C-alpha atoms as a PDB file:
ATOM      1  CA  MET A   1       0.033  -0.059   0.054  1.00  0.00           C
ATOM      2  CA  LYS A   2       1.387   3.335  -0.857  1.00  0.00           C
ATOM      3  CA  GLU A   3      -0.124   6.725   0.487  1.00  0.00           C
ATOM      4  CA  ARG A   4      -3.417   4.749   1.587  1.00  0.00           C
ATOM      5  CA  ILE A   5      -3.983   3.318  -1.977  1.00  0.00           C
ATOM      6  CA  PRO A   6      -3.985  -0.482  -2.029  1.00  0.00           C
ATOM      7  CA  THR A   7      -1.780  -2.267  -4.552  1.00  0.00           C
ATOM      8  CA  LEU A   8      -2.157  -5.884  -5.645  1.00  0.00           C
ATOM      9  CA  VAL A   9       1.145  -7.740  -5.158  1.00  0.00           C
ATOM     10  CA  TYR A  10      -0.281 -11.221  -5.810  1.00  0.00           C
ATOM     11  CA  ALA A  11      -3.542 -13.125  -5.909  1.00  0.00           C
ATOM     12  CA  GLY A  12      -3.690 -16.874  -6.028  1.00  0.00           C
ATOM     13  CA  SER A  13      -5.733 -19.874  -5.041  1.00  0.00           C
ATOM     14  CA  VAL A  14      -5.643 -23.535  -5.201  1.00  0.00           C
ATOM     15  CA  ALA A  15      -8.460 -25.974  -6.187  1.00  0.00           C
ATOM     16  CA  THR A  16      -8.299 -29.404  -4.917  1.00  0.00           C
ATOM     17  CA  ASP A  17      -9.676 -32.517  -6.685  1.00  0.00           C
ATOM     18  CA  THR A  18     -12.779 -33.610  -5.038  1.00  0.00           C
ATOM     19  CA  ASN A  19     -12.163 -37.251  -5.975  1.00  0.00           C
ATOM     20  CA  ILE A  20      -9.206 -37.459  -3.642  1.00  0.00           C
ATOM     21  CA  ASN A  21      -9.546 -37.924   0.067  1.00  0.00           C
ATOM     22  CA  HIS A  22      -9.735 -35.140   2.670  1.00  0.00           C
ATOM     23  CA  ALA A  23      -6.109 -35.836   3.966  1.00  0.00           C
ATOM     24  CA  ALA A  24      -4.596 -35.501   0.532  1.00  0.00           C
ATOM     25  CA  ARG A  25      -6.633 -32.206  -0.179  1.00  0.00           C
ATOM     26  CA  SER A  26      -5.482 -30.941   3.158  1.00  0.00           C
ATOM     27  CA  VAL A  27      -1.757 -31.536   2.214  1.00  0.00           C
ATOM     28  CA  VAL A  28      -2.337 -29.541  -1.155  1.00  0.00           C
ATOM     29  CA  VAL A  29      -3.923 -26.510   0.581  1.00  0.00           C
ATOM     30  CA  GLU A  30      -1.245 -26.583   3.234  1.00  0.00           C
ATOM     31  CA  SER A  31       1.563 -26.744   0.671  1.00  0.00           C
ATOM     32  CA  PHE A  32       0.131 -23.943  -1.398  1.00  0.00           C
ATOM     33  CA  ILE A  33      -0.251 -21.673   1.676  1.00  0.00           C
ATOM     34  CA  ALA A  34       3.201 -22.517   3.005  1.00  0.00           C
ATOM     35  CA  GLN A  35       4.860 -21.749  -0.352  1.00  0.00           C
ATOM     36  CA  ASN A  36       2.964 -18.411  -0.499  1.00  0.00           C
ATOM     37  CA  VAL A  37       3.792 -17.485   3.081  1.00  0.00           C
ATOM     38  CA  TYR A  38       7.561 -18.322   2.476  1.00  0.00           C
ATOM     39  CA  GLU A  39       7.624 -16.277  -0.681  1.00  0.00           C
ATOM     40  CA  TYR A  40       5.715 -13.128   0.422  1.00  0.00           C
ATOM     41  CA  MET A  41       6.415 -12.754   4.212  1.00  0.00           C
ATOM     42  CA  PRO A  42       6.711 -10.900   6.369  1.00  0.00           C
ATOM     43  CA  PHE A  43       3.004  -9.967   6.987  1.00  0.00           C
ATOM     44  CA  GLU A  44       1.457  -7.545   9.364  1.00  0.00           C
ATOM     45  CA  ILE A  45      -1.748  -9.463   9.603  1.00  0.00           C
ATOM     46  CA  VAL A  46      -3.342 -12.557   8.212  1.00  0.00           C
ATOM     47  CA  LEU A  47      -7.071 -12.490   7.379  1.00  0.00           C
ATOM     48  CA  ARG A  48      -9.730 -14.935   6.483  1.00  0.00           C
ATOM     49  CA  GLU A  49     -13.498 -14.548   5.798  1.00  0.00           C
ATOM     50  CA  ASP A  50     -15.723 -15.813   8.526  1.00  0.00           C
ATOM     51  CA  PHE A  51     -17.536 -19.084   7.795  1.00  0.00           C
ATOM     52  CA  THR A  52     -21.235 -18.806   8.405  1.00  0.00           C
ATOM     53  CA  SER A  53     -22.603 -22.096   7.064  1.00  0.00           C
ATOM     54  CA  GLY A  54     -22.072 -24.809   4.556  1.00  0.00           C
ATOM     55  CA  LYS A  55     -24.288 -26.095   1.900  1.00  0.00           C
ATOM     56  CA  ASN A  56     -24.080 -29.548   3.591  1.00  0.00           C
ATOM     57  CA  LYS A  57     -22.014 -31.657   6.023  1.00  0.00           C
ATOM     58  CA  ASP A  58     -19.318 -32.326   3.292  1.00  0.00           C
ATOM     59  CA  ALA A  59     -18.909 -28.639   2.273  1.00  0.00           C
ATOM     60  CA  THR A  60     -18.618 -27.665   5.947  1.00  0.00           C
ATOM     61  CA  ARG A  61     -16.014 -30.352   6.431  1.00  0.00           C
ATOM     62  CA  ALA A  62     -14.050 -29.101   3.346  1.00  0.00           C
ATOM     63  CA  VAL A  63     -14.021 -25.570   4.737  1.00  0.00           C
ATOM     64  CA  PHE A  64     -12.814 -26.507   8.213  1.00  0.00           C
ATOM     65  CA  ASN A  65     -10.228 -29.091   6.698  1.00  0.00           C
ATOM     66  CA  SER A  66      -8.859 -26.150   4.580  1.00  0.00           C
ATOM     67  CA  TRP A  67      -8.841 -23.851   7.634  1.00  0.00           C
ATOM     68  CA  THR A  68      -6.882 -26.517   9.570  1.00  0.00           C
ATOM     69  CA  ALA A  69      -4.421 -26.903   6.790  1.00  0.00           C
ATOM     70  CA  ALA A  70      -4.021 -23.140   6.450  1.00  0.00           C
ATOM     71  CA  ASP A  71      -3.347 -22.901  10.322  1.00  0.00           C
ATOM     72  CA  ARG A  72      -0.593 -25.498  10.085  1.00  0.00           C
ATOM     73  CA  ALA A  73       1.022 -23.756   7.271  1.00  0.00           C
ATOM     74  CA  LEU A  74       0.768 -20.452   8.970  1.00  0.00           C
ATOM     75  CA  ASN A  75       1.985 -21.691  12.393  1.00  0.00           C
ATOM     76  CA  VAL A  76       5.241 -23.289  10.927  1.00  0.00           C
ATOM     77  CA  PHE A  77       6.191 -19.520  10.019  1.00  0.00           C
ATOM     78  CA  GLY A  78       4.981 -17.944  13.196  1.00  0.00           C
ATOM     79  CA  TYR A  79       1.632 -16.612  12.012  1.00  0.00           C
ATOM     80  CA  GLU A  80      -2.004 -17.154  12.705  1.00  0.00           C
ATOM     81  CA  SER A  81      -5.089 -15.814  11.398  1.00  0.00           C
ATOM     82  CA  ALA A  82      -6.450 -12.639  13.100  1.00  0.00           C
ATOM     83  CA  LYS A  83      -8.724 -13.021  15.939  1.00  0.00           C
ATOM     84  CA  PHE A  84     -11.733 -10.703  16.068  1.00  0.00           C
ATOM     85  CA  LYS A  85     -14.281  -9.835  18.686  1.00  0.00           C
ATOM     86  CA  LYS A  86     -17.921 -10.738  18.245  1.00  0.00           C
ATOM     87  CA  GLY A  87     -19.371  -8.367  15.734  1.00  0.00           C
ATOM     88  CA  GLU A  88     -16.090  -7.554  13.922  1.00  0.00           C
ATOM     89  CA  HIS A  89     -15.737 -10.809  11.863  1.00  0.00           C
ATOM     90  CA  LEU A  90     -15.439 -10.461   8.070  1.00  0.00           C
ATOM     91  CA  THR A  91     -18.576 -12.195   7.144  1.00  0.00           C
ATOM     92  CA  PRO A  92     -19.575 -12.839   3.487  1.00  0.00           C
ATOM     93  CA  THR A  93     -22.307 -10.302   3.647  1.00  0.00           C
ATOM     94  CA  THR A  94     -19.902  -7.719   5.133  1.00  0.00           C
ATOM     95  CA  VAL A  95     -17.439  -8.307   2.356  1.00  0.00           C
ATOM     96  CA  LYS A  96     -20.050  -8.230  -0.420  1.00  0.00           C
ATOM     97  CA  LYS A  97     -21.422  -4.890   0.946  1.00  0.00           C
ATOM     98  CA  ALA A  98     -18.101  -3.183   1.409  1.00  0.00           C
ATOM     99  CA  VAL A  99     -16.667  -4.283  -1.973  1.00  0.00           C
ATOM    100  CA  GLY A 100     -19.561  -5.268  -4.164  1.00  0.00           C
ATOM    101  CA  GLY A 101     -21.864  -2.432  -3.073  1.00  0.00           C
ATOM    102  CA  SER A 102     -24.589  -4.783  -1.670  1.00  0.00           C
ATOM    103  CA  GLY A 103     -24.775  -7.467   0.888  1.00  0.00           C
ATOM    104  CA  ARG A 104     -26.314  -9.648  -1.852  1.00  0.00           C
ATOM    105  CA  ALA A 105     -23.693  -8.821  -4.492  1.00  0.00           C
ATOM    106  CA  ASP A 106     -22.770 -11.702  -6.718  1.00  0.00           C
ATOM    107  CA  LYS A 107     -19.210 -12.871  -7.433  1.00  0.00           C
ATOM    108  CA  LYS A 108     -18.954 -10.808 -10.574  1.00  0.00           C
ATOM    109  CA  GLU A 109     -19.947  -7.546  -8.753  1.00  0.00           C
ATOM    110  CA  VAL A 110     -17.473  -8.413  -6.050  1.00  0.00           C
ATOM    111  CA  ALA A 111     -14.702  -9.004  -8.605  1.00  0.00           C
ATOM    112  CA  ASN A 112     -15.598  -5.616 -10.315  1.00  0.00           C
ATOM    113  CA  GLY A 113     -15.338  -3.863  -7.013  1.00  0.00           C
ATOM    114  CA  VAL A 114     -11.996  -5.417  -6.299  1.00  0.00           C
ATOM    115  CA  ARG A 115     -10.798  -4.213  -9.720  1.00  0.00           C
ATOM    116  CA  ARG A 116     -12.132  -0.770  -9.106  1.00  0.00           C
ATOM    117  CA  LEU A 117     -10.568  -0.330  -5.685  1.00  0.00           C
ATOM    118  CA  LEU A 118      -7.221  -1.816  -6.880  1.00  0.00           C
ATOM    119  CA  ARG A 119      -7.298   0.261  -9.978  1.00  0.00           C
ATOM    120  CA  LEU A 120      -6.994  -2.843 -12.201  1.00  0.00           C
ATOM    121  CA  PRO A 121      -8.287  -2.949 -15.755  1.00  0.00           C
ATOM    122  CA  ASP A 122     -11.888  -3.932 -16.248  1.00  0.00           C
ATOM    123  CA  ASP A 123     -10.692  -7.177 -18.051  1.00  0.00           C
ATOM    124  CA  TYR A 124      -8.147  -7.961 -15.341  1.00  0.00           C
ATOM    125  CA  PRO A 125      -8.432 -11.908 -15.199  1.00  0.00           C
ATOM    126  CA  PHE A 126      -9.055 -13.480 -11.854  1.00  0.00           C
ATOM    127  CA  LYS A 127      -9.198 -17.332 -11.734  1.00  0.00           C
ATOM    128  CA  ASP A 128     -12.400 -19.108 -12.566  1.00  0.00           C
ATOM    129  CA  GLY A 129     -14.595 -19.247  -9.513  1.00  0.00           C
ATOM    130  CA  ASN A 130     -13.212 -15.820  -8.412  1.00  0.00           C
ATOM    131  CA  ASP A 131     -11.626 -17.342  -5.314  1.00  0.00           C
ATOM    132  CA  ASP A 132      -8.714 -14.821  -5.918  1.00  0.00           C
ATOM    133  CA  SER A 133     -10.993 -11.799  -6.093  1.00  0.00           C
ATOM    134  CA  ASP A 134     -12.896 -13.141  -3.072  1.00  0.00           C
ATOM    135  CA  ALA A 135      -9.634 -13.170  -1.128  1.00  0.00           C
ATOM    136  CA  CYS A 136      -8.774  -9.604  -2.356  1.00  0.00           C
ATOM    137  CA  ALA A 137     -12.356  -8.523  -1.250  1.00  0.00           C
ATOM    138  CA  VAL A 138     -11.832  -9.829   2.297  1.00  0.00           C
ATOM    139  CA  ILE A 139      -8.561  -7.931   2.652  1.00  0.00           C
ATOM    140  CA  LEU A 140     -10.097  -4.620   1.102  1.00  0.00           C
ATOM    141  CA  THR A 141     -13.014  -4.941   3.564  1.00  0.00           C
ATOM    142  CA  TYR A 142     -10.641  -5.118   6.427  1.00  0.00           C
ATOM    143  CA  LEU A 143      -8.742  -2.084   5.097  1.00  0.00           C
ATOM    144  CA  ILE A 144     -11.848  -0.100   4.569  1.00  0.00           C
ATOM    145  CA  ARG A 145     -13.210  -0.940   7.953  1.00  0.00           C
ATOM    146  CA  GLU A 146     -10.004  -0.032   9.759  1.00  0.00           C
ATOM    147  CA  ASN A 147      -9.834   3.333   7.564  1.00  0.00           C
ATOM    148  CA  LEU A 148      -6.444   2.217   6.324  1.00  0.00           C
ATOM    149  CA  ILE A 149      -7.211   3.153   2.669  1.00  0.00           C
ATOM    150  CA  ASP A 150      -8.931   5.955   0.980  1.00  0.00           C
ATOM    151  CA  THR A 151     -11.594   4.267  -1.124  1.00  0.00           C
ATOM    152  CA  GLU A 152     -12.189   7.456  -3.323  1.00  0.00           C
ATOM    153  CA  ALA A 153      -8.538   7.768  -4.198  1.00  0.00           C
ATOM    154  CA  ALA A 154      -8.200   3.980  -4.834  1.00  0.00           C
ATOM    155  CA  ALA A 155     -11.217   3.944  -7.030  1.00  0.00           C
ATOM    156  CA  ALA A 156     -10.146   7.066  -9.063  1.00  0.00           C
END
């Protein structure tokens, strides 16, 4: 970030094969995160969107499995995800509202809000599924909430 205007350094995500077991998927996630922590550290804060509910038991298990894998990778390097007080969590609705303009914004609207706030071209390519833009949106929401960026200047 320079002069309260956020700058994209890296956006990445990993998709795991749903045909492999949860243990193997966990290793893939942990390895991906560990590699990125190693490459881009140091960090002032590590954020993640709050989990509200899964579509079903398997979806919930997959999210918590990924969180555990992320925690293992972060802990190796001395990091942990930020802990927030009740009411301060970065919920999906909060993120959608802050970056996408509405608590009901779809992934495309959130991705467009990320592009606007990061001053990226309208055709800047996020990976299919928009996990990369969703991660950026979580970070941007935190920066907006904590008044660490100027959204007008960022969007100009």
